[in-house]
Amino acid sequence: MEYKHSEITGTTIAAALEVHKEMGAGFQEVLYQRALELEFDIRKIHFAREVEMPVYYKGVQIGLRRVDFLVCGVICVELKAVSKLEDVHLAQALNYLEAFNLEVGLLINFGSKSLEVKRLYNTKYKPEVINIQSSNQR
């Protein structure tokens, strides 16, 4: 089965596997984020880190949310470092896809013995709308 953006998600997952292989489980999420940033640089994967998106309630901005990485401008990557992914983590990552109006995302958990990866799809994706602001892009 061929997935949308499978080449990009494949290289992203390969980078995450390398980080997990080197570090194992048990570190804070921010350390995995920094290591993955280095691995993206090594592999020359284009990314933006800590991408911000406003959150609205009834047309009023009530805050900002940040996704860990935006890879190649099309893949939302959310990292976790928990013993097991829960439904709340999945819901958070799906909310990011909708807020950023991105079609495909990855939820990656470094906290378990084996790397956990969930490929996510935004069923509400609208190709004509772009809503991304980046504070650190490479």
N, C-alpha and C. Protein backbone atom coordinates (compact mmCIF):
# COMPACT_ATOMS: atom_id res chain seq x y z
N MET A 1 0.85 -1.19 0.00
CA MET A 1 0.00 0.00 0.00
C MET A 1 0.89 1.25 0.00
N GLU A 2 0.60 2.18 -0.87
CA GLU A 2 1.34 3.43 -0.97
C GLU A 2 0.63 4.51 -0.16
N TYR A 3 1.37 5.13 0.75
CA TYR A 3 0.83 6.19 1.59
C TYR A 3 1.18 7.55 1.00
N LYS A 4 0.33 8.54 1.28
CA LYS A 4 0.61 9.92 0.87
C LYS A 4 1.89 10.39 1.56
N HIS A 5 2.79 10.98 0.81
CA HIS A 5 4.08 11.47 1.31
C HIS A 5 4.92 10.36 1.94
N SER A 6 4.83 9.17 1.40
CA SER A 6 5.52 8.01 2.00
C SER A 6 7.04 8.16 2.01
N GLU A 7 7.61 8.83 1.03
CA GLU A 7 9.07 9.01 1.02
C GLU A 7 9.50 9.90 2.20
N ILE A 8 8.76 10.98 2.42
CA ILE A 8 9.09 11.90 3.51
C ILE A 8 8.85 11.23 4.87
N THR A 9 7.71 10.57 5.02
CA THR A 9 7.45 9.90 6.30
C THR A 9 8.46 8.78 6.53
N GLY A 10 8.85 8.10 5.47
CA GLY A 10 9.84 7.02 5.60
C GLY A 10 11.18 7.53 6.08
N THR A 11 11.66 8.65 5.52
CA THR A 11 12.95 9.20 5.96
C THR A 11 12.85 9.77 7.37
N THR A 12 11.69 10.31 7.71
CA THR A 12 11.47 10.83 9.06
C THR A 12 11.49 9.70 10.08
N ILE A 13 10.80 8.61 9.77
CA ILE A 13 10.77 7.45 10.67
C ILE A 13 12.16 6.84 10.79
N ALA A 14 12.90 6.77 9.70
CA ALA A 14 14.27 6.23 9.74
C ALA A 14 15.15 7.07 10.67
N ALA A 15 15.00 8.39 10.62
CA ALA A 15 15.76 9.27 11.50
C ALA A 15 15.37 9.03 12.96
N ALA A 16 14.08 8.87 13.23
CA ALA A 16 13.61 8.60 14.59
C ALA A 16 14.11 7.26 15.09
N LEU A 17 14.13 6.26 14.22
CA LEU A 17 14.66 4.94 14.59
C LEU A 17 16.13 5.03 14.98
N GLU A 18 16.89 5.83 14.27
CA GLU A 18 18.30 6.01 14.58
C GLU A 18 18.47 6.68 15.95
N VAL A 19 17.67 7.68 16.23
CA VAL A 19 17.72 8.34 17.54
C VAL A 19 17.38 7.35 18.64
N HIS A 20 16.33 6.57 18.45
CA HIS A 20 15.92 5.60 19.47
C HIS A 20 16.98 4.52 19.65
N LYS A 21 17.60 4.11 18.56
CA LYS A 21 18.67 3.10 18.63
C LYS A 21 19.84 3.62 19.46
N GLU A 22 20.20 4.88 19.25
CA GLU A 22 21.34 5.47 19.95
C GLU A 22 21.03 5.79 21.41
N MET A 23 19.82 6.29 21.68
CA MET A 23 19.49 6.78 23.02
C MET A 23 18.71 5.79 23.87
N GLY A 24 17.90 4.95 23.23
CA GLY A 24 17.01 4.08 24.00
C GLY A 24 15.88 4.89 24.62
N ALA A 25 15.17 4.26 25.55
CA ALA A 25 14.05 4.92 26.22
C ALA A 25 14.53 5.53 27.54
N GLY A 26 13.73 6.44 28.10
CA GLY A 26 14.00 6.93 29.44
C GLY A 26 14.41 8.38 29.56
N PHE A 27 14.56 9.08 28.46
CA PHE A 27 14.94 10.49 28.52
C PHE A 27 13.70 11.37 28.38
N GLN A 28 13.87 12.66 28.68
CA GLN A 28 12.78 13.62 28.51
C GLN A 28 12.56 13.88 27.03
N GLU A 29 11.33 14.25 26.71
CA GLU A 29 10.94 14.51 25.32
C GLU A 29 11.85 15.54 24.65
N VAL A 30 12.22 16.59 25.35
CA VAL A 30 13.04 17.66 24.76
C VAL A 30 14.39 17.11 24.29
N LEU A 31 14.95 16.13 24.97
CA LEU A 31 16.23 15.56 24.54
C LEU A 31 16.07 14.77 23.24
N TYR A 32 14.97 14.05 23.12
CA TYR A 32 14.71 13.36 21.85
C TYR A 32 14.48 14.37 20.73
N GLN A 33 13.82 15.46 21.06
CA GLN A 33 13.58 16.49 20.06
C GLN A 33 14.90 17.06 19.55
N ARG A 34 15.81 17.35 20.46
CA ARG A 34 17.13 17.89 20.07
C ARG A 34 17.92 16.86 19.26
N ALA A 35 17.87 15.61 19.68
CA ALA A 35 18.59 14.56 18.95
C ALA A 35 18.01 14.37 17.56
N LEU A 36 16.68 14.41 17.44
CA LEU A 36 16.05 14.25 16.13
C LEU A 36 16.38 15.43 15.23
N GLU A 37 16.46 16.61 15.80
CA GLU A 37 16.87 17.79 15.03
C GLU A 37 18.27 17.57 14.44
N LEU A 38 19.18 17.07 15.25
CA LEU A 38 20.54 16.77 14.76
C LEU A 38 20.51 15.70 13.67
N GLU A 39 19.70 14.68 13.86
CA GLU A 39 19.61 13.60 12.87
C GLU A 39 19.01 14.12 11.57
N PHE A 40 18.02 15.00 11.66
CA PHE A 40 17.47 15.62 10.44
C PHE A 40 18.56 16.39 9.70
N ASP A 41 19.39 17.13 10.46
CA ASP A 41 20.48 17.88 9.83
C ASP A 41 21.47 16.92 9.16
N ILE A 42 21.84 15.85 9.83
CA ILE A 42 22.76 14.86 9.27
C ILE A 42 22.22 14.29 7.97
N ARG A 43 20.93 14.01 7.95
CA ARG A 43 20.29 13.39 6.78
C ARG A 43 19.81 14.42 5.76
N LYS A 44 20.05 15.70 6.05
CA LYS A 44 19.64 16.79 5.16
C LYS A 44 18.13 16.77 4.89
N ILE A 45 17.37 16.53 5.95
CA ILE A 45 15.91 16.56 5.88
C ILE A 45 15.47 17.97 6.23
N HIS A 46 14.71 18.59 5.34
CA HIS A 46 14.22 19.96 5.55
C HIS A 46 13.14 19.94 6.63
N PHE A 47 13.27 20.80 7.64
CA PHE A 47 12.30 20.83 8.73
C PHE A 47 12.22 22.21 9.37
N ALA A 48 11.14 22.42 10.09
CA ALA A 48 10.98 23.57 10.97
C ALA A 48 10.64 23.00 12.34
N ARG A 49 11.24 23.57 13.38
CA ARG A 49 11.02 23.09 14.74
C ARG A 49 10.18 24.10 15.51
N GLU A 50 9.34 23.59 16.41
CA GLU A 50 8.50 24.44 17.26
C GLU A 50 7.63 25.37 16.42
N VAL A 51 6.87 24.80 15.53
CA VAL A 51 6.00 25.59 14.65
C VAL A 51 4.74 25.98 15.42
N GLU A 52 4.45 27.29 15.43
CA GLU A 52 3.31 27.82 16.19
C GLU A 52 2.08 28.00 15.33
N MET A 53 0.94 27.77 15.97
CA MET A 53 -0.34 27.94 15.31
C MET A 53 -1.32 28.54 16.30
N PRO A 54 -2.03 29.59 15.92
CA PRO A 54 -3.04 30.15 16.82
C PRO A 54 -4.24 29.21 16.97
N VAL A 55 -4.83 29.21 18.15
CA VAL A 55 -6.04 28.43 18.42
C VAL A 55 -7.17 29.43 18.63
N TYR A 56 -8.31 29.17 17.97
CA TYR A 56 -9.45 30.07 18.04
C TYR A 56 -10.64 29.39 18.70
N TYR A 57 -11.42 30.21 19.39
CA TYR A 57 -12.72 29.79 19.91
C TYR A 57 -13.73 30.82 19.46
N LYS A 58 -14.68 30.40 18.64
CA LYS A 58 -15.71 31.29 18.11
C LYS A 58 -15.11 32.55 17.50
N GLY A 59 -14.04 32.35 16.74
CA GLY A 59 -13.42 33.45 16.01
C GLY A 59 -12.44 34.30 16.82
N VAL A 60 -12.26 33.98 18.10
CA VAL A 60 -11.35 34.75 18.94
C VAL A 60 -10.12 33.88 19.26
N GLN A 61 -8.93 34.45 19.02
CA GLN A 61 -7.72 33.70 19.33
C GLN A 61 -7.59 33.58 20.85
N ILE A 62 -7.46 32.34 21.33
CA ILE A 62 -7.38 32.11 22.77
C ILE A 62 -6.03 31.55 23.20
N GLY A 63 -5.15 31.33 22.24
CA GLY A 63 -3.83 30.83 22.60
C GLY A 63 -3.06 30.37 21.38
N LEU A 64 -1.90 29.81 21.66
CA LEU A 64 -1.04 29.27 20.60
C LEU A 64 -0.69 27.83 20.94
N ARG A 65 -0.51 27.01 19.92
CA ARG A 65 -0.05 25.64 20.09
C ARG A 65 1.18 25.46 19.23
N ARG A 66 2.08 24.62 19.69
CA ARG A 66 3.30 24.33 18.93
C ARG A 66 3.41 22.86 18.64
N VAL A 67 3.72 22.58 17.41
CA VAL A 67 4.01 21.20 17.03
C VAL A 67 5.53 21.06 17.05
N ASP A 68 6.01 19.87 17.36
CA ASP A 68 7.45 19.67 17.50
C ASP A 68 8.20 19.93 16.20
N PHE A 69 7.74 19.34 15.10
CA PHE A 69 8.41 19.51 13.82
C PHE A 69 7.40 19.58 12.69
N LEU A 70 7.75 20.37 11.69
CA LEU A 70 7.06 20.34 10.40
C LEU A 70 8.14 19.92 9.41
N VAL A 71 7.98 18.75 8.81
CA VAL A 71 9.00 18.19 7.92
C VAL A 71 8.61 18.44 6.47
N CYS A 72 9.53 19.02 5.75
CA CYS A 72 9.36 19.32 4.31
C CYS A 72 8.09 20.13 4.04
N GLY A 73 7.63 20.86 5.04
CA GLY A 73 6.46 21.71 4.87
C GLY A 73 5.14 20.98 4.76
N VAL A 74 5.15 19.63 4.88
CA VAL A 74 3.91 18.88 4.68
C VAL A 74 3.60 17.84 5.75
N ILE A 75 4.56 17.48 6.59
CA ILE A 75 4.35 16.43 7.59
C ILE A 75 4.47 17.03 8.99
N CYS A 76 3.41 16.92 9.75
CA CYS A 76 3.38 17.35 11.14
C CYS A 76 3.92 16.20 11.99
N VAL A 77 4.97 16.46 12.79
CA VAL A 77 5.57 15.41 13.62
C VAL A 77 5.48 15.82 15.08
N GLU A 78 4.77 15.03 15.85
CA GLU A 78 4.61 15.27 17.28
C GLU A 78 5.34 14.16 18.03
N LEU A 79 6.21 14.55 18.97
CA LEU A 79 7.01 13.59 19.73
C LEU A 79 6.44 13.40 21.13
N LYS A 80 6.61 12.19 21.64
CA LYS A 80 6.27 11.86 23.02
C LYS A 80 7.40 11.01 23.59
N ALA A 81 7.49 11.01 24.92
CA ALA A 81 8.44 10.16 25.63
C ALA A 81 7.72 9.56 26.83
N VAL A 82 6.74 8.72 26.52
CA VAL A 82 5.90 8.09 27.54
C VAL A 82 6.00 6.57 27.40
N SER A 83 5.65 5.85 28.47
CA SER A 83 5.78 4.39 28.42
C SER A 83 4.83 3.77 27.39
N LYS A 84 3.68 4.40 27.19
CA LYS A 84 2.71 3.88 26.21
C LYS A 84 1.86 5.04 25.69
N LEU A 85 1.66 5.07 24.39
CA LEU A 85 0.79 6.10 23.81
C LEU A 85 -0.65 5.87 24.26
N GLU A 86 -1.32 6.96 24.57
CA GLU A 86 -2.72 6.91 24.99
C GLU A 86 -3.57 7.63 23.96
N ASP A 87 -4.90 7.46 24.07
CA ASP A 87 -5.82 8.12 23.15
C ASP A 87 -5.66 9.64 23.16
N VAL A 88 -5.33 10.21 24.32
CA VAL A 88 -5.17 11.66 24.43
C VAL A 88 -4.00 12.15 23.56
N HIS A 89 -2.94 11.36 23.45
CA HIS A 89 -1.80 11.74 22.59
C HIS A 89 -2.21 11.72 21.12
N LEU A 90 -2.97 10.72 20.76
CA LEU A 90 -3.48 10.61 19.39
C LEU A 90 -4.41 11.79 19.07
N ALA A 91 -5.29 12.11 20.00
CA ALA A 91 -6.22 13.24 19.81
C ALA A 91 -5.46 14.55 19.65
N GLN A 92 -4.43 14.75 20.46
CA GLN A 92 -3.62 15.97 20.37
C GLN A 92 -2.98 16.08 18.99
N ALA A 93 -2.37 15.01 18.51
CA ALA A 93 -1.70 15.02 17.21
C ALA A 93 -2.71 15.25 16.08
N LEU A 94 -3.87 14.65 16.18
CA LEU A 94 -4.90 14.87 15.16
C LEU A 94 -5.40 16.31 15.20
N ASN A 95 -5.52 16.89 16.39
CA ASN A 95 -5.92 18.30 16.50
C ASN A 95 -4.91 19.22 15.82
N TYR A 96 -3.62 18.89 15.96
CA TYR A 96 -2.59 19.67 15.30
C TYR A 96 -2.74 19.60 13.78
N LEU A 97 -3.00 18.43 13.27
CA LEU A 97 -3.19 18.29 11.82
C LEU A 97 -4.33 19.18 11.35
N GLU A 98 -5.42 19.18 12.09
CA GLU A 98 -6.56 20.01 11.71
C GLU A 98 -6.23 21.50 11.86
N ALA A 99 -5.59 21.88 12.96
CA ALA A 99 -5.27 23.29 13.20
C ALA A 99 -4.30 23.82 12.14
N PHE A 100 -3.35 22.99 11.72
CA PHE A 100 -2.36 23.39 10.73
C PHE A 100 -2.84 23.14 9.30
N ASN A 101 -3.99 22.50 9.19
CA ASN A 101 -4.53 22.08 7.89
C ASN A 101 -3.49 21.32 7.08
N LEU A 102 -2.93 20.30 7.71
CA LEU A 102 -2.00 19.40 7.04
C LEU A 102 -2.68 18.05 6.86
N GLU A 103 -2.33 17.37 5.79
CA GLU A 103 -2.99 16.12 5.45
C GLU A 103 -2.43 14.93 6.21
N VAL A 104 -1.12 14.93 6.47
CA VAL A 104 -0.45 13.76 7.03
C VAL A 104 0.40 14.17 8.23
N GLY A 105 0.41 13.31 9.25
CA GLY A 105 1.24 13.55 10.41
C GLY A 105 1.80 12.26 10.97
N LEU A 106 2.79 12.42 11.84
CA LEU A 106 3.38 11.28 12.54
C LEU A 106 3.37 11.58 14.03
N LEU A 107 2.96 10.61 14.81
CA LEU A 107 3.06 10.65 16.26
C LEU A 107 4.13 9.63 16.62
N ILE A 108 5.23 10.10 17.20
CA ILE A 108 6.38 9.24 17.48
C ILE A 108 6.64 9.22 18.98
N ASN A 109 6.68 8.01 19.55
CA ASN A 109 6.93 7.85 20.98
C ASN A 109 8.28 7.18 21.21
N PHE A 110 9.18 7.91 21.86
CA PHE A 110 10.51 7.40 22.18
C PHE A 110 10.56 6.72 23.55
N GLY A 111 9.48 6.79 24.32
CA GLY A 111 9.50 6.32 25.70
C GLY A 111 9.34 4.84 25.91
N SER A 112 8.95 4.10 24.89
CA SER A 112 8.77 2.66 25.05
C SER A 112 10.03 1.91 24.61
N LYS A 113 10.08 0.64 24.94
CA LYS A 113 11.26 -0.18 24.62
C LYS A 113 11.54 -0.16 23.12
N SER A 114 10.49 -0.27 22.32
CA SER A 114 10.59 -0.14 20.87
C SER A 114 9.95 1.17 20.45
N LEU A 115 10.50 1.81 19.45
CA LEU A 115 9.94 3.07 18.96
C LEU A 115 8.51 2.82 18.49
N GLU A 116 7.58 3.69 18.92
CA GLU A 116 6.20 3.62 18.48
C GLU A 116 5.95 4.74 17.48
N VAL A 117 5.36 4.41 16.35
CA VAL A 117 5.05 5.41 15.32
C VAL A 117 3.62 5.21 14.87
N LYS A 118 2.86 6.28 14.87
CA LYS A 118 1.49 6.28 14.34
C LYS A 118 1.45 7.26 13.18
N ARG A 119 1.00 6.78 12.02
CA ARG A 119 0.81 7.62 10.86
C ARG A 119 -0.63 8.13 10.90
N LEU A 120 -0.80 9.45 10.82
CA LEU A 120 -2.11 10.07 10.98
C LEU A 120 -2.55 10.77 9.71
N TYR A 121 -3.87 10.78 9.49
CA TYR A 121 -4.45 11.44 8.32
C TYR A 121 -5.55 12.39 8.76
N ASN A 122 -5.54 13.58 8.21
CA ASN A 122 -6.53 14.60 8.51
C ASN A 122 -7.68 14.47 7.53
N THR A 123 -8.81 13.98 8.01
CA THR A 123 -9.98 13.79 7.13
C THR A 123 -10.66 15.12 6.81
N LYS A 124 -10.28 16.19 7.53
CA LYS A 124 -10.86 17.52 7.29
C LYS A 124 -9.91 18.42 6.50
N TYR A 125 -8.89 17.84 5.92
CA TYR A 125 -7.87 18.59 5.17
C TYR A 125 -8.50 19.38 4.02
N LYS A 126 -8.09 20.65 3.89
CA LYS A 126 -8.55 21.52 2.80
C LYS A 126 -7.32 21.99 2.05
N PRO A 127 -7.05 21.46 0.86
CA PRO A 127 -5.82 21.78 0.13
C PRO A 127 -5.60 23.26 -0.15
N GLU A 128 -6.65 24.04 -0.21
CA GLU A 128 -6.49 25.45 -0.58
C GLU A 128 -6.12 26.36 0.58
N VAL A 129 -6.12 25.85 1.82
CA VAL A 129 -5.87 26.67 3.00
C VAL A 129 -4.49 26.35 3.57
N ILE A 130 -3.71 27.40 3.84
CA ILE A 130 -2.39 27.22 4.46
C ILE A 130 -2.32 28.12 5.69
N ASN A 131 -1.96 27.55 6.86
CA ASN A 131 -1.97 28.29 8.12
C ASN A 131 -0.71 28.06 8.95
N ILE A 132 0.46 28.16 8.40
CA ILE A 132 1.66 27.77 9.14
C ILE A 132 2.55 28.98 9.43
N GLN A 133 3.03 29.05 10.67
CA GLN A 133 4.04 30.04 11.07
C GLN A 133 5.18 29.27 11.69
N SER A 134 6.40 29.53 11.29
CA SER A 134 7.52 28.78 11.85
C SER A 134 8.51 29.71 12.52
N SER A 135 9.03 29.26 13.67
CA SER A 135 10.00 30.06 14.39
C SER A 135 11.43 29.57 14.18
N ASN A 136 11.61 28.38 13.64
CA ASN A 136 12.95 27.83 13.43
C ASN A 136 12.89 26.86 12.26
N GLN A 137 13.24 27.32 11.09
CA GLN A 137 13.10 26.51 9.90
C GLN A 137 14.46 26.25 9.26
N ARG A 138 14.64 25.00 8.79
CA ARG A 138 15.89 24.62 8.12
C ARG A 138 15.58 23.88 6.86
